[in-house]
Structures are given as structure tokens and as C-alpha cells.
Protein backbone atom coordinates (compact mmCIF):
# COMPACT_ATOMS: atom_id res chain seq x y z
CA MET A 1 43.67 88.54 -39.59
CA ASN A 2 43.47 84.99 -38.59
CA VAL A 3 44.82 81.63 -40.85
CA THR A 4 43.24 78.56 -39.99
CA VAL A 5 45.22 75.65 -40.15
CA ILE A 6 43.83 72.19 -40.55
CA GLY A 7 46.18 69.26 -38.97
CA ALA A 8 49.10 69.50 -36.85
CA GLY A 9 51.38 67.22 -38.37
CA LEU A 10 54.90 68.04 -39.82
CA ALA A 11 54.04 70.81 -42.08
CA GLY A 12 50.80 72.42 -40.65
CA SER A 13 52.64 72.61 -37.16
CA GLU A 14 55.62 74.29 -39.14
CA CYS A 15 53.03 76.23 -41.18
CA ALA A 16 51.70 77.78 -37.78
CA TRP A 17 54.84 78.45 -36.28
CA GLN A 18 55.94 80.94 -39.16
CA LEU A 19 52.61 82.33 -39.06
CA ALA A 20 52.47 83.06 -35.56
CA GLN A 21 55.89 84.48 -35.51
CA ARG A 22 55.40 86.89 -37.50
CA GLY A 23 52.58 88.23 -35.58
CA VAL A 24 49.61 86.30 -37.41
CA ASP A 25 46.65 84.69 -35.24
CA VAL A 26 46.13 81.43 -36.18
CA THR A 27 43.75 78.61 -35.15
CA LEU A 28 45.03 75.13 -35.23
CA CYS A 29 42.78 72.25 -35.91
CA GLU A 30 43.62 69.07 -34.72
CA MET A 31 41.62 65.73 -35.18
CA LYS A 32 43.60 64.35 -32.35
CA PRO A 33 42.81 62.44 -30.11
CA GLU A 34 38.93 62.62 -30.91
CA LYS A 35 39.71 60.50 -34.15
CA ARG A 36 43.11 59.08 -35.72
CA SER A 37 44.19 57.76 -38.72
CA PRO A 38 45.22 54.63 -38.95
CA ALA A 39 48.68 55.40 -38.98
CA HIS A 40 48.78 57.33 -35.76
CA VAL A 41 48.97 56.32 -32.06
CA SER A 42 50.53 59.52 -30.54
CA ASP A 43 48.20 62.27 -29.63
CA ALA A 44 50.83 64.87 -29.97
CA PHE A 45 51.81 67.02 -32.73
CA ALA A 46 54.07 66.29 -35.88
CA GLU A 47 54.00 62.57 -35.10
CA LEU A 48 56.97 60.73 -37.26
CA VAL A 49 54.75 57.87 -38.00
CA CYS A 50 57.26 55.72 -40.29
CA SER A 51 61.31 56.12 -39.55
CA ASN A 52 62.41 58.27 -37.02
CA SER A 53 65.18 59.36 -39.04
CA LEU A 54 65.46 62.50 -40.84
CA ARG A 55 67.95 61.61 -43.32
CA SER A 56 71.40 63.08 -43.90
CA ASP A 57 72.82 66.20 -42.02
CA GLU A 58 75.35 66.79 -44.54
CA LEU A 59 75.85 70.01 -46.62
CA THR A 60 76.35 67.65 -50.10
CA ASN A 61 73.00 65.86 -49.68
CA ALA A 62 70.02 67.89 -50.72
CA VAL A 63 68.06 66.67 -47.67
CA GLY A 64 70.86 68.36 -45.50
CA LEU A 65 70.90 71.80 -47.23
CA LEU A 66 67.04 71.84 -46.97
CA LYS A 67 67.47 71.47 -43.51
CA GLU A 68 70.10 73.71 -42.76
CA GLU A 69 67.74 76.27 -45.19
CA MET A 70 65.42 75.62 -42.47
CA ARG A 71 67.23 76.43 -39.39
CA ARG A 72 68.77 79.66 -40.98
CA LEU A 73 65.06 80.26 -41.47
CA GLY A 74 63.95 80.02 -37.56
CA SER A 75 62.34 76.16 -38.26
CA LEU A 76 60.30 75.11 -34.93
CA ILE A 77 61.21 71.52 -36.50
CA MET A 78 64.44 71.62 -36.93
CA SER A 79 64.70 73.38 -33.49
CA CYS A 80 63.26 70.48 -31.82
CA ALA A 81 64.92 68.09 -33.53
CA ASP A 82 68.42 69.43 -33.04
CA ALA A 83 66.89 69.34 -29.43
CA HIS A 84 65.97 65.40 -29.78
CA ARG A 85 68.67 64.06 -31.44
CA VAL A 86 69.88 60.65 -31.10
CA PRO A 87 73.41 59.14 -32.62
CA ALA A 88 72.99 57.84 -36.15
CA GLY A 89 76.51 58.47 -38.13
CA GLY A 90 76.02 60.96 -40.55
CA ALA A 91 72.21 61.21 -40.41
CA LEU A 92 69.99 62.88 -37.92
CA ALA A 93 67.78 60.81 -36.33
CA VAL A 94 65.03 61.69 -33.16
CA ASP A 95 63.82 60.76 -30.22
CA ARG A 96 60.31 60.80 -31.84
CA GLU A 97 58.33 61.07 -28.55
CA GLY A 98 60.41 63.80 -27.00
CA PHE A 99 60.33 65.57 -30.70
CA SER A 100 56.68 65.24 -31.33
CA ARG A 101 56.09 66.53 -26.84
CA ALA A 102 58.63 69.62 -27.68
CA VAL A 103 56.55 70.49 -31.39
CA THR A 104 53.22 70.52 -29.00
CA GLU A 105 54.45 71.76 -25.84
CA LYS A 106 56.01 74.88 -28.28
CA LEU A 107 52.77 75.48 -29.86
CA LEU A 108 50.62 75.21 -26.94
CA ALA A 109 52.69 77.90 -25.58
CA HIS A 110 52.35 80.60 -28.27
CA PRO A 111 50.29 83.55 -27.91
CA HIS A 112 49.30 83.46 -31.32
CA VAL A 113 47.96 79.75 -32.09
CA ALA A 114 44.76 78.88 -30.64
CA VAL A 115 44.43 74.99 -31.16
CA VAL A 116 40.96 72.93 -31.47
CA ARG A 117 40.81 70.25 -31.02
CA GLY A 118 38.52 68.01 -33.13
CA GLU A 119 37.62 66.69 -37.09
CA VAL A 120 37.29 69.47 -39.21
CA ALA A 121 34.18 68.17 -41.84
CA SER A 122 34.88 70.72 -44.25
CA ILE A 123 36.98 73.91 -45.56
CA PRO A 124 35.81 76.71 -43.58
CA GLU A 125 35.97 80.62 -44.88
CA GLY A 126 38.58 82.81 -44.82
CA ARG A 127 42.53 81.92 -45.32
CA VAL A 128 43.26 78.10 -44.70
CA VAL A 129 45.86 76.18 -44.81
CA VAL A 130 45.44 72.50 -45.68
CA ALA A 131 47.91 70.17 -44.24
CA THR A 132 45.87 67.08 -43.16
CA GLY A 133 48.52 64.70 -44.30
CA PRO A 134 48.27 61.52 -46.77
CA LEU A 135 45.94 59.61 -45.43
CA THR A 136 42.85 61.98 -45.92
CA GLU A 137 39.49 60.41 -46.00
CA GLY A 138 36.08 61.43 -45.15
CA PRO A 139 34.05 64.64 -45.14
CA MET A 140 37.35 66.55 -45.37
CA ALA A 141 38.44 64.50 -48.46
CA GLU A 142 35.13 65.16 -50.19
CA SER A 143 35.68 68.59 -49.00
CA ILE A 144 38.89 68.93 -51.59
CA GLU A 145 37.83 66.88 -53.78
CA LYS A 146 34.83 69.21 -54.67
CA LEU A 147 38.20 71.94 -55.35
CA CYS A 148 40.62 69.70 -56.40
CA PRO A 149 38.80 67.03 -59.28
CA GLU A 150 41.94 64.84 -59.47
CA PHE A 151 42.86 64.46 -55.48
CA ARG A 152 42.26 61.10 -55.08
CA LEU A 153 46.00 60.20 -57.02
CA HIS A 154 47.58 58.05 -54.62
CA PHE A 155 50.63 55.45 -53.65
CA PHE A 156 51.23 53.16 -50.93
CA ASP A 157 53.72 53.75 -48.04
CA ALA A 158 55.04 51.07 -45.47
CA VAL A 159 56.74 51.16 -41.83
CA ALA A 160 59.40 49.83 -40.64
CA PRO A 161 59.18 47.41 -37.17
CA ILE A 162 61.21 47.96 -34.32
CA VAL A 163 62.56 45.53 -31.36
CA THR A 164 64.46 45.50 -28.32
CA LEU A 165 67.76 45.97 -27.78
CA GLU A 166 68.08 44.05 -25.18
CA SER A 167 66.27 41.00 -27.11
CA VAL A 168 69.62 41.41 -29.48
CA ASP A 169 71.93 38.74 -29.58
CA MET A 170 74.80 41.12 -29.63
CA THR A 171 77.51 37.82 -30.17
CA SER A 172 75.65 37.99 -33.37
CA ALA A 173 75.76 41.87 -34.13
CA TRP A 174 78.41 44.82 -33.41
CA PHE A 175 77.98 48.07 -33.10
CA ALA A 176 79.47 50.43 -35.74
CA SER A 177 78.41 52.73 -38.61
CA ARG A 178 79.49 52.94 -42.02
CA TYR A 179 83.06 53.53 -43.03
CA ASP A 180 83.67 54.30 -38.95
CA LYS A 181 82.06 57.56 -40.31
CA GLY A 182 81.22 59.34 -37.18
CA THR A 183 80.35 57.64 -34.19
CA ALA A 184 79.24 53.46 -33.72
CA ASP A 185 75.62 54.06 -34.17
CA TYR A 186 74.05 51.28 -35.88
CA VAL A 187 73.47 47.60 -34.61
CA ASN A 188 75.15 45.52 -37.51
CA CYS A 189 73.34 41.91 -38.01
CA PRO A 190 75.56 40.06 -40.35
CA MET A 191 74.68 37.00 -42.56
CA ASP A 192 76.45 34.39 -44.57
CA ARG A 193 75.14 33.42 -48.29
CA ASP A 194 72.97 30.90 -47.22
CA GLN A 195 71.43 32.64 -44.21
CA TYR A 196 70.87 35.30 -47.15
CA THR A 197 69.39 33.14 -49.84
CA ALA A 198 67.25 31.37 -47.23
CA PHE A 199 66.02 34.66 -45.65
CA VAL A 200 65.19 36.01 -49.12
CA LYS A 201 63.33 33.07 -50.18
CA GLU A 202 61.01 33.02 -47.11
CA LEU A 203 60.57 36.66 -47.60
CA ARG A 204 59.73 36.15 -51.32
CA GLU A 205 57.11 33.82 -50.39
CA ALA A 206 55.85 35.41 -46.64
CA GLU A 207 51.88 35.95 -46.43
CA GLN A 208 50.71 39.82 -46.75
CA ALA A 209 48.55 41.58 -45.11
CA GLN A 210 45.10 41.80 -46.92
CA LEU A 211 45.15 45.79 -48.43
CA HIS A 212 42.51 46.67 -50.73
CA GLY A 213 43.86 48.22 -53.78
CA PHE A 214 47.91 47.36 -53.01
CA GLU A 215 49.89 46.32 -56.06
CA ASP A 216 53.61 46.76 -56.12
CA SER A 217 54.30 49.29 -59.11
CA ARG A 218 51.64 51.79 -56.64
CA VAL A 219 54.56 51.65 -54.16
CA PHE A 220 56.92 55.20 -53.76
CA GLU A 221 60.22 53.59 -54.28
CA GLY A 222 61.42 55.47 -51.19
CA CYS A 223 59.85 53.15 -49.11
CA MET A 224 59.67 49.75 -50.60
CA PRO A 225 58.09 47.17 -48.57
CA VAL A 226 61.13 44.94 -48.08
CA GLU A 227 59.43 41.77 -49.46
CA VAL A 228 58.77 43.66 -53.18
CA MET A 229 62.17 44.98 -53.16
CA ALA A 230 63.41 40.92 -52.46
CA ARG A 231 60.67 39.59 -55.45
CA ARG A 232 62.92 41.91 -57.66
CA GLY A 233 65.61 39.84 -57.99
CA GLU A 234 68.14 37.90 -55.51
CA ASP A 235 70.44 40.59 -54.83
CA THR A 236 68.23 42.94 -54.83
CA LEU A 237 68.57 43.41 -50.75
CA ARG A 238 72.34 43.02 -50.87
CA TYR A 239 72.27 46.46 -53.22
CA GLY A 240 69.78 48.28 -51.22
CA PRO A 241 69.07 48.20 -47.35
CA LEU A 242 71.46 44.96 -46.63
CA LYS A 243 74.02 46.27 -48.41
CA PRO A 244 77.47 45.54 -46.77
CA VAL A 245 79.04 47.80 -48.35
CA GLY A 246 81.63 49.76 -45.38
CA LEU A 247 81.08 47.12 -42.60
CA ARG A 248 83.59 44.81 -41.59
CA ASP A 249 82.89 42.23 -39.10
CA PRO A 250 84.88 42.61 -36.30
CA LYS A 251 84.81 38.91 -35.43
CA THR A 252 86.40 37.92 -38.90
CA GLY A 253 87.93 40.94 -40.26
CA ARG A 254 86.10 40.55 -43.28
CA GLU A 255 83.36 41.96 -45.01
CA PRO A 256 79.97 39.99 -44.52
CA TYR A 257 77.70 39.11 -47.01
CA ALA A 258 74.99 40.99 -46.02
CA VAL A 259 74.09 43.04 -43.18
CA VAL A 260 70.44 44.22 -41.55
CA GLN A 261 70.97 47.24 -39.71
CA LEU A 262 69.29 48.51 -36.81
CA ARG A 263 69.00 52.51 -35.87
CA ARG A 264 68.29 54.25 -32.38
CA ASP A 265 64.83 55.11 -32.07
CA ASN A 266 64.34 56.70 -28.64
CA ALA A 267 66.76 58.63 -26.55
CA GLU A 268 67.07 55.50 -24.35
CA GLY A 269 69.22 53.49 -26.82
CA THR A 270 66.14 50.36 -25.65
CA LEU A 271 64.13 50.63 -28.91
CA TYR A 272 65.81 50.09 -32.63
CA ASN A 273 64.37 49.92 -35.47
CA LEU A 274 65.12 48.31 -38.78
CA VAL A 275 66.44 50.13 -41.19
CA GLY A 276 64.93 49.61 -44.32
CA PHE A 277 62.12 46.92 -43.56
CA GLN A 278 58.94 48.79 -44.35
CA THR A 279 57.02 45.90 -44.95
CA HIS A 280 53.14 45.01 -45.09
CA LEU A 281 53.57 41.27 -44.32
CA ARG A 282 51.06 39.41 -41.83
CA PHE A 283 52.23 40.17 -38.19
CA PRO A 284 53.09 36.41 -37.62
CA GLU A 285 55.05 36.08 -41.06
CA GLN A 286 57.16 39.56 -39.78
CA ARG A 287 58.52 37.84 -36.64
CA ARG A 288 59.02 34.07 -37.82
CA VAL A 289 60.69 36.00 -41.09
CA PHE A 290 62.49 38.57 -39.28
CA SER A 291 63.61 36.08 -36.67
CA MET A 292 65.82 34.45 -39.20
CA ILE A 293 68.21 36.60 -39.10
CA PRO A 294 70.85 35.70 -36.73
CA ALA A 295 70.98 38.26 -33.94
CA LEU A 296 67.28 38.36 -34.28
CA LYS A 297 66.10 35.02 -33.48
CA ASN A 298 64.85 36.21 -30.00
CA ALA A 299 64.14 39.72 -30.72
CA GLU A 300 60.62 41.12 -29.35
CA PHE A 301 58.78 43.38 -31.36
CA VAL A 302 57.63 46.59 -29.71
CA ARG A 303 55.92 47.63 -33.39
CA TYR A 304 55.14 45.44 -36.43
CA GLY A 305 55.33 46.65 -39.85
CA VAL A 306 52.21 48.08 -41.28
CA MET A 307 50.84 49.62 -44.85
CA HIS A 308 49.33 52.38 -45.81
CA ARG A 309 47.54 54.60 -48.65
CA ASN A 310 49.30 57.73 -48.89
CA THR A 311 46.98 60.64 -51.30
CA TYR A 312 48.47 63.47 -53.13
CA LEU A 313 47.12 65.91 -55.08
CA ASN A 314 48.11 66.78 -58.71
CA SER A 315 49.72 69.62 -57.88
CA PRO A 316 51.36 71.16 -60.86
CA GLY A 317 47.69 71.87 -62.46
CA LEU A 318 46.31 72.72 -59.26
CA LEU A 319 48.69 74.83 -56.63
CA ASP A 320 51.00 77.76 -57.52
CA ARG A 321 54.67 78.56 -56.21
CA TYR A 322 53.30 78.90 -52.76
CA TYR A 323 51.16 76.04 -52.39
CA ARG A 324 48.20 78.23 -52.86
CA LEU A 325 45.16 76.63 -54.60
CA LYS A 326 45.45 78.63 -58.66
CA SER A 327 41.37 78.58 -58.77
CA ASP A 328 40.70 79.45 -54.98
CA PRO A 329 43.85 81.44 -53.63
CA ARG A 330 42.55 81.84 -50.29
CA VAL A 331 43.60 78.11 -50.10
CA SER A 332 46.67 76.71 -49.44
CA PHE A 333 48.34 73.27 -49.11
CA ALA A 334 50.93 71.61 -47.04
CA GLY A 335 52.54 68.24 -46.78
CA GLN A 336 52.53 65.46 -48.31
CA MET A 337 49.06 65.63 -50.33
CA THR A 338 50.88 68.20 -52.41
CA GLY A 339 53.51 65.71 -53.39
CA VAL A 340 56.32 66.70 -51.88
CA GLU A 341 57.53 63.06 -49.93
CA GLY A 342 59.48 62.70 -46.71
CA TYR A 343 59.37 64.13 -43.42
CA ILE A 344 61.91 67.39 -43.85
CA GLU A 345 60.66 67.80 -47.40
CA SER A 346 56.14 68.15 -45.80
CA ALA A 347 57.87 70.43 -42.94
CA ALA A 348 59.99 72.93 -45.68
CA SER A 349 56.78 72.91 -47.80
CA GLY A 350 55.02 74.05 -44.32
CA MET A 351 57.25 76.47 -43.57
CA LEU A 352 57.39 78.01 -46.75
CA VAL A 353 53.43 78.50 -46.70
CA GLY A 354 53.56 79.87 -43.55
CA ILE A 355 56.58 82.87 -44.45
CA GLU A 356 54.17 83.72 -47.81
CA THR A 357 51.00 83.76 -46.03
CA ALA A 358 52.36 85.74 -43.44
CA ARG A 359 53.98 88.14 -45.59
CA GLU A 360 51.02 88.78 -47.58
CA LEU A 361 48.68 89.38 -44.94
CA LEU A 362 51.18 92.08 -43.82
CA HIS A 363 51.49 93.69 -46.87
CA GLN A 364 55.07 92.79 -47.39
CA PRO A 365 56.69 91.74 -51.08
CA PRO A 366 56.50 87.49 -51.52
CA ALA A 367 59.62 85.99 -50.38
CA ASP A 368 59.56 84.45 -53.75
CA PHE A 369 62.54 81.53 -52.73
CA PRO A 370 64.47 80.87 -56.10
CA ALA A 371 65.36 77.64 -57.72
CA GLU A 372 69.01 77.88 -56.71
CA THR A 373 67.96 77.11 -53.04
CA ALA A 374 66.12 73.43 -52.11
CA ILE A 375 63.18 75.04 -50.28
CA GLY A 376 62.29 77.14 -53.49
CA ALA A 377 63.11 74.33 -56.04
CA LEU A 378 60.66 71.89 -54.43
CA ALA A 379 57.84 74.68 -54.48
CA LEU A 380 58.70 74.72 -58.07
CA TYR A 381 58.78 71.41 -58.86
CA VAL A 382 55.37 70.49 -57.01
CA SER A 383 53.89 73.55 -58.87
CA GLY A 384 55.69 73.09 -62.04
CA GLY A 385 56.36 69.52 -62.54
CA SER A 386 54.64 66.91 -65.59
CA VAL A 387 51.03 67.21 -64.59
CA GLY A 388 50.40 64.21 -66.93
CA ASP A 389 52.49 61.95 -64.70
CA PHE A 390 53.22 63.81 -61.55
CA GLN A 391 54.66 62.05 -58.97
CA PRO A 392 56.09 62.46 -55.40
CA MET A 393 59.37 63.14 -54.61
CA ASN A 394 62.03 64.02 -52.11
CA VAL A 395 64.89 66.70 -52.57
CA ASN A 396 67.30 66.31 -54.93
CA PHE A 397 69.96 68.53 -56.37
CA GLY A 398 68.50 67.56 -59.46
CA ILE A 399 65.69 70.11 -59.40
CA ILE A 400 68.17 72.61 -57.86
CA SER A 401 69.08 74.99 -60.68
CA PRO A 402 72.66 74.65 -61.89
CA LEU A 403 75.84 76.54 -61.19
CA GLY A 404 76.49 77.33 -64.57
CA VAL A 405 80.38 76.82 -64.36
CA ARG A 406 82.24 73.38 -64.51
CA VAL A 407 83.09 71.95 -60.77
CA LYS A 408 85.41 68.81 -60.56
CA GLY A 409 83.79 65.85 -58.14
CA LYS A 410 79.72 65.34 -57.40
CA ARG A 411 80.25 66.44 -53.51
CA ASN A 412 82.36 69.04 -54.66
CA LYS A 413 80.04 70.35 -56.77
CA ASN A 414 77.08 69.68 -54.05
CA ALA A 415 78.97 71.58 -51.91
CA ALA A 416 78.90 74.36 -53.91
CA LEU A 417 75.18 74.19 -54.65
CA SER A 418 74.97 74.56 -50.62
CA GLU A 419 76.93 77.84 -50.19
CA ARG A 420 75.56 79.25 -52.72
CA SER A 421 71.45 78.63 -52.03
CA LEU A 422 72.68 79.28 -48.03
CA SER A 423 74.21 82.94 -49.38
CA ILE A 424 70.54 83.33 -50.97
CA ILE A 425 68.69 82.42 -47.77
CA ASP A 426 71.54 84.80 -45.11
CA ALA A 427 70.62 87.49 -47.33
CA PHE A 428 66.47 87.07 -47.10
CA VAL A 429 67.20 86.75 -43.65
CA HIS A 430 68.73 89.82 -42.97
CA GLY A 431 66.34 91.75 -45.00
CA ALA A 432 63.67 90.12 -43.48
CA VAL A 433 65.54 91.36 -40.07
CA ASP A 434 65.83 94.98 -41.67
CA GLY A 435 61.83 95.33 -42.24
CA LYS A 436 62.73 94.34 -45.95
């Protein structure tokens, strides 16, 4: 009884862990360090390519609910994330190196996991989970395309720059979280109206890096490059990543015209990323334009933003609720290539595949997580969304079954949805412990 998991990203790592924890032998194939995609720099598993934030940790937010479901289901990704969190207000952000190192060490030490390094050129025989990620290319992409003719749907994704904290001019910035919520975890870099207007003008006109096939219309909304947002309107950024709402400059006691926020990127607090500043500008242009932000006039950029293509399946026509290929159920898919969007969503898909595959191999009934849960609703969206215009999606309360009773207030309604979901997850966990 062996399952081959191809790819040790967030989804593949979580999937391998869930299988192994249930006594299923796993061959975990990872092409690094022999080969890397254009977006990867580390040899570790579960590398965080874009932001180091796993987004909200509150149960009134759908991704916060999904994280809590995963914790209760025994998630490797969540246990490592919680162990390596860095301050980020109401969000869960992690020291990306410490997090990935912990995931790698846990899997390498597991007695039911055998790690094989090197590129896999085709889908092997037997039970297979393909978690090669949205940058899959070459022979593996061709192998998938033979099984899934509509594989080469795609959109573009972008990564934000990182600067050193010591290079930030703190005479022009201050530490705070929006609405003073939690601890003062963000560096806030204010801009007045003239500074903002000049910044937006230069951002709109800055030279972009060459990227074959790039179109603004193909960019995933959740990772919209900052220059694309700037071209949408003068105030788009002020209502997006540069919104000043809930922030008061201690020097003036007033809300600034616009604010660029920096979020801690490592446990030591020496590196910070520009929140919402995903970009595909040329590197010299990033330095020139982003240095127009007063607090970043002398910033040291240790990583510039980059742009890459993400590829995903037309999953509603191809996959069932267990992320199995309808035409060949021995093959499952997990991660962003299924059309889930986001770190946690990717890991959750791997978790569900691992749990359901193990239960099938162990001759247990399927978990069949319902649409009342975030993990179940996500899988049902991926397998049952619109085939004609299927788009990647983050988890949200809109795909979770409604309560059936009226609850006044959005936060109260979301809290009630979360309470219902977690009671279902707890019942499953207790039943699994009892051998049901």
C-alpha cells in the first residue's frame, strides 16, 4: 500500500503527512535541488514563494475558519506555521525559512515517508497525487495534458519586494496595526496628497519587465500587480493596499492621505515586505519608483518583485469532490493547479486528498466533508463550479452552505457559520479516533 506524491509544496507536503499519519507508505518526489521553477529559491519543502502571510486568523473570516479546521484535523502546515509565526496583527504570518525548514524536517523524519529527489517526467503507475504546482512545465505538463486536455488554462501571479528594516527611514514611518488592533506589528509609511499623486503617475508609466503573453486581464485579482491597480484609477490604491483607514500618524494625530504598510518577513524582524506591492516592473524601475515613498527613500531591497504564470485545470469537468480525476480515479490532484487560490487553500486541498485517499486504501468510508465546512465547500466548488468560465478562488463564506436562519450582522453570521463548521469537524475527529 503505497502512494506516490509528486511535489513537496504546501499541498504535497500536507497530503504526504496525512497519508503517512494514517499508516500509508508515501513516496514523496521533489525535483529540488536538481531543478527549480523560476519562482523558487530554496531547497526546502513548502516554500512560500509570494507573501509570508497566511492571511486572517479570525473565525469571522473564511480563511481563518479553514485554518482552524485544519488545526483540528492534525495539519502539518498549520502546526509548523503556528510554531514559526511572526507578529502580524490579526493575520498569521510566518518566518518563511523557519516554517519551510520545519515542514521538511518533519517529513524527512517520518517512518512512512520516503523522499526521492529529482524531476518526475511522467505520471507513474499506481496511486498518484500530482501536486507539482501552478508552474508545472516540460514533460510533466505534457503528461498531465494527455490526461487533461484543458490543462493549459492560466493566469498570472506576482510577488512583492522585501526591504531591510534598518534601511527604512523611521523618522517618516511608525509601527502600528490598523485600528490599533493587537500589537503594533506593521511599519506604516505615510504619503501626503502630492507625494501620492506623483508616485501613482510614475508607477503607471514605469517600464515593465518582458513577460511573454502577459495581459492585465489575465491577472488573478488577489495578486494584482500594484502598477496594474494604479492604471485602474487615481484612487484605486488608496482604496486598496495603500488605504489609510484605521491608521493615525502619531506626529500629526491625523489619518494620512495614503499609507504603504510593511509586514515582518522573518522571525528576527530584520526583513519586511511591502504589503500588496506585487509587481512585474523591471528591477531598476522598482527601486526608482518605490523609493519615492518617503520612508523608503534609502531602502535596501533584498528581493525585488517578480511575475510568473500560474497554470490550473478546468477542474469542474475533470475532478470529483475528492480531487480525483474522473477519467482515471487512481490519479488525484492537489494544490493551486486544481483552481484553489492561496497558501492555506492549497494545503487544505492536499489535506483532503490525503485523508480521503488513506480512508479509501484502508477500506474506510469517505469523510465527505460537507459544504457546511470550509474544507468541504472548497472541494465542492472546485469540482462543481462553472466549467465554462472556471476561475481560481480563495475560500470565502459565499461558497459555504447558508445557515437557514437569519442572523443579524455580518460578523455574527460568519461566527455562527464557523461554529457550525467546527462542530462538524470535531464530530469527524472524534469519530475517527473511535475508529468510525
